[in-house]
């Protein structure tokens, strides 16, 4: 698929309706500021995305990945209402989130680096649970997403996390909707009983 690489910043609605391909954003070489502390894309990025990938070497504005149903994204911080009404896909946030994170989120998974251990204050807990990352599958998924992010954006924050992965892993929180988690567990149980992945999904 198409890869769009942007050196610089982007305004609102970056990647709206993304349905494949890859979006990569990073600051110009030689820029003096810390990417992970500065906004590089505007509000409502990846609104209603259905597939594809996005790697953002910097912070996103408000309503990041609202109604995302299948895209994979790595970003280094988000404003208020991140992952609102998300129904699928995967999101890694290597930094701070704004308030009301995961409001109305019914599917997909977000992995959030919670260095201040205060994400719970900004998380909308109505439909999701927050836990440390323990499953081998989740650890591999998180690590591979950060590796791809670093390979494409040369992210300093991403490199730091990978270089000290053992130290950083306990600081990540896995945000997953209650119903979605139940369905995933049922699928795993069905597959263990010998059903194919497709059959297991139908049964669940």
Protein backbone atom coordinates (compact mmCIF):
# COMPACT_ATOMS: atom_id res chain seq x y z
CA UNK A 1 0.00 0.00 0.00
CA UNK A 2 0.84 3.68 -0.13
CA UNK A 3 3.27 5.18 2.40
CA UNK A 4 2.98 8.91 3.04
CA UNK A 5 5.92 10.42 4.92
CA UNK A 6 5.56 13.95 6.29
CA UNK A 7 8.55 15.88 7.64
CA UNK A 8 6.93 18.65 9.64
CA UNK A 9 3.53 19.03 11.25
CA UNK A 10 -0.07 18.45 10.24
CA UNK A 11 -3.35 20.15 11.03
CA UNK A 12 -6.70 18.69 12.14
CA UNK A 13 -8.23 15.53 10.63
CA UNK A 14 -4.86 13.95 9.86
CA UNK A 15 -5.53 10.46 8.47
CA UNK A 16 -9.34 10.80 8.67
CA UNK A 17 -10.97 7.62 7.35
CA UNK A 18 -7.60 5.92 6.78
CA UNK A 19 -8.29 2.61 5.04
CA UNK A 20 -4.87 1.10 4.38
CA UNK A 21 -1.33 2.21 3.76
CA UNK A 22 1.01 3.93 6.18
CA UNK A 23 1.25 7.49 7.50
CA UNK A 24 4.56 8.60 9.03
CA UNK A 25 5.11 12.02 10.64
CA UNK A 26 8.26 13.35 12.28
CA UNK A 27 9.96 16.73 12.87
CA UNK A 28 12.74 17.98 10.57
CA UNK A 29 16.24 16.73 11.34
CA UNK A 30 18.14 19.16 13.51
CA UNK A 31 15.05 20.51 15.27
CA UNK A 32 16.03 21.44 18.83
CA UNK A 33 12.81 20.61 20.72
CA UNK A 34 11.86 17.25 22.24
CA UNK A 35 9.36 15.62 19.89
CA UNK A 36 7.59 13.77 22.71
CA UNK A 37 6.78 17.08 24.44
CA UNK A 38 5.41 18.96 21.42
CA UNK A 39 2.22 18.73 19.39
CA UNK A 40 2.92 17.70 15.79
CA UNK A 41 -0.59 16.84 14.53
CA UNK A 42 -3.92 18.55 15.21
CA UNK A 43 -7.27 17.40 16.58
CA UNK A 44 -9.46 14.49 15.44
CA UNK A 45 -6.61 12.56 13.79
CA UNK A 46 -7.46 9.12 12.36
CA UNK A 47 -11.19 9.75 12.83
CA UNK A 48 -13.12 6.68 11.67
CA UNK A 49 -10.01 4.90 10.38
CA UNK A 50 -10.72 1.31 9.32
CA UNK A 51 -7.25 -0.09 8.56
CA UNK A 52 -3.68 0.95 7.85
CA UNK A 53 -0.97 2.26 10.17
CA UNK A 54 0.14 5.63 11.51
CA UNK A 55 3.38 6.51 13.30
CA UNK A 56 3.56 9.96 14.86
CA UNK A 57 6.86 11.19 16.33
CA UNK A 58 5.26 13.77 18.61
CA UNK A 59 2.03 14.57 20.42
CA UNK A 60 -1.46 14.58 18.89
CA UNK A 61 -4.25 17.03 19.75
CA UNK A 62 -7.69 16.15 21.08
CA UNK A 63 -9.92 13.25 20.00
CA UNK A 64 -7.12 11.07 18.62
CA UNK A 65 -8.39 7.83 17.01
CA UNK A 66 -12.07 8.61 17.66
CA UNK A 67 -14.20 5.86 16.07
CA UNK A 68 -11.09 3.97 14.97
CA UNK A 69 -12.25 0.52 13.92
CA UNK A 70 -9.08 -1.17 12.69
CA UNK A 71 -6.05 1.09 12.27
CA UNK A 72 -2.80 0.62 14.17
CA UNK A 73 -1.24 3.80 15.56
CA UNK A 74 1.74 4.85 17.66
CA UNK A 75 1.87 8.39 19.07
CA UNK A 76 3.88 10.07 21.84
CA UNK A 77 1.02 11.77 23.70
CA UNK A 78 -2.62 12.74 23.10
CA UNK A 79 -5.03 15.49 24.18
CA UNK A 80 -8.49 15.04 25.72
CA UNK A 81 -10.98 12.35 24.61
CA UNK A 82 -8.37 10.01 23.05
CA UNK A 83 -9.69 6.70 21.66
CA UNK A 84 -13.28 7.86 22.16
CA UNK A 85 -15.88 5.45 20.69
CA UNK A 86 -13.07 3.24 19.35
CA UNK A 87 -14.34 -0.14 18.14
CA UNK A 88 -11.17 -1.85 16.88
CA UNK A 89 -7.50 -1.50 16.08
CA UNK A 90 -4.49 -0.94 18.32
CA UNK A 91 -3.05 2.28 19.75
CA UNK A 92 0.23 2.84 21.61
CA UNK A 93 0.63 6.13 23.50
CA UNK A 94 4.24 6.71 24.59
CA UNK A 95 3.35 9.59 26.88
CA UNK A 96 0.61 11.62 28.53
CA UNK A 97 -3.08 11.44 27.72
CA UNK A 98 -5.66 14.16 28.28
CA UNK A 99 -8.86 13.66 30.26
CA UNK A 100 -11.75 11.34 29.36
CA UNK A 101 -9.50 8.77 27.65
CA UNK A 102 -11.35 5.73 26.20
CA UNK A 103 -14.87 7.15 26.70
CA UNK A 104 -17.39 4.91 24.95
CA UNK A 105 -14.60 2.60 23.74
CA UNK A 106 -16.14 -0.77 22.84
CA UNK A 107 -13.34 -2.55 20.94
CA UNK A 108 -9.65 -2.53 20.19
CA UNK A 109 -6.79 -2.14 22.68
CA UNK A 110 -4.72 0.84 23.80
CA UNK A 111 -1.31 0.48 25.44
CA UNK A 112 -0.47 3.66 27.38
CA UNK A 113 2.88 4.53 28.97
CA UNK A 114 1.81 5.74 32.42
CA UNK A 115 5.07 7.04 33.89
CA UNK A 116 3.34 9.18 36.51
CA UNK A 117 1.05 6.29 37.50
CA UNK A 118 -1.90 8.68 37.28
CA UNK A 119 -3.69 7.58 34.10
CA UNK A 120 -6.59 6.41 36.28
CA UNK A 121 -7.41 10.08 36.97
CA UNK A 122 -7.97 10.78 33.27
CA UNK A 123 -9.42 7.43 32.19
CA UNK A 124 -13.15 7.07 31.57
CA UNK A 125 -13.67 3.70 33.31
CA UNK A 126 -17.30 3.20 32.30
CA UNK A 127 -16.60 0.64 29.56
CA UNK A 128 -12.91 -0.29 29.94
CA UNK A 129 -10.50 -1.88 32.36
CA UNK A 130 -6.89 -0.89 32.95
CA UNK A 131 -4.18 -3.38 33.87
CA UNK A 132 -0.47 -4.03 33.62
CA UNK A 133 0.70 -5.91 30.54
CA UNK A 134 1.32 -9.54 31.47
CA UNK A 135 0.47 -11.76 28.50
CA UNK A 136 3.31 -12.74 26.21
CA UNK A 137 1.19 -11.89 23.17
CA UNK A 138 0.53 -8.34 24.40
CA UNK A 139 4.21 -7.78 25.21
CA UNK A 140 5.23 -8.90 21.71
CA UNK A 141 2.54 -6.76 20.07
CA UNK A 142 3.54 -3.66 22.05
CA UNK A 143 7.24 -4.14 21.39
CA UNK A 144 6.83 -4.74 17.65
CA UNK A 145 4.65 -1.62 17.29
CA UNK A 146 7.30 0.51 19.02
CA UNK A 147 10.05 -1.10 16.91
CA UNK A 148 8.23 -0.18 13.71
CA UNK A 149 7.65 3.34 15.06
CA UNK A 150 11.38 3.81 15.75
CA UNK A 151 12.40 2.32 12.39
CA UNK A 152 10.16 4.76 10.51
CA UNK A 153 10.44 7.95 12.60
CA UNK A 154 13.76 7.59 14.46
CA UNK A 155 11.83 8.48 17.63
CA UNK A 156 14.08 9.28 20.60
CA UNK A 157 11.34 8.34 23.08
CA UNK A 158 10.69 5.06 21.27
CA UNK A 159 14.41 4.22 21.31
CA UNK A 160 14.63 4.97 25.02
CA UNK A 161 11.70 2.65 25.75
CA UNK A 162 13.15 -0.17 23.62
CA UNK A 163 16.65 0.20 25.09
CA UNK A 164 15.21 -0.10 28.61
CA UNK A 165 12.21 -2.26 27.81
CA UNK A 166 12.38 -4.28 31.04
CA UNK A 167 12.17 -1.09 33.08
CA UNK A 168 9.42 0.51 31.01
CA UNK A 169 7.12 -2.51 30.57
CA UNK A 170 5.63 -2.33 34.12
CA UNK A 171 4.81 1.35 33.49
CA UNK A 172 2.50 0.53 30.57
CA UNK A 173 -1.23 0.10 31.07
CA UNK A 174 -3.39 -2.04 28.82
CA UNK A 175 -6.78 -0.42 28.23
CA UNK A 176 -9.39 -2.84 26.94
CA UNK A 177 -13.22 -2.72 26.87
CA UNK A 178 -14.91 -5.25 29.21
CA UNK A 179 -17.09 -6.88 26.53
CA UNK A 180 -14.25 -7.01 23.99
CA UNK A 181 -12.01 -8.73 26.56
CA UNK A 182 -14.70 -11.33 27.26
CA UNK A 183 -15.06 -12.07 23.53
CA UNK A 184 -11.28 -12.43 23.08
CA UNK A 185 -11.07 -14.84 26.03
CA UNK A 186 -13.93 -16.91 24.61
CA UNK A 187 -12.21 -17.07 21.20
CA UNK A 188 -8.98 -18.33 22.81
CA UNK A 189 -10.93 -21.00 24.74
CA UNK A 190 -12.71 -22.12 21.55
CA UNK A 191 -9.42 -22.33 19.65
CA UNK A 192 -7.94 -24.42 22.46
CA UNK A 193 -10.85 -26.82 22.01
CA UNK A 194 -9.81 -27.28 18.39
CA UNK A 195 -12.02 -24.84 16.50
CA UNK A 196 -10.50 -22.79 13.69
CA UNK A 197 -9.95 -19.07 14.31
CA UNK A 198 -12.91 -18.27 12.03
CA UNK A 199 -15.24 -20.75 13.75
CA UNK A 200 -14.15 -19.50 17.17
CA UNK A 201 -15.02 -15.91 16.24
CA UNK A 202 -18.48 -16.98 15.06
CA UNK A 203 -19.11 -18.98 18.25
CA UNK A 204 -17.92 -16.11 20.48
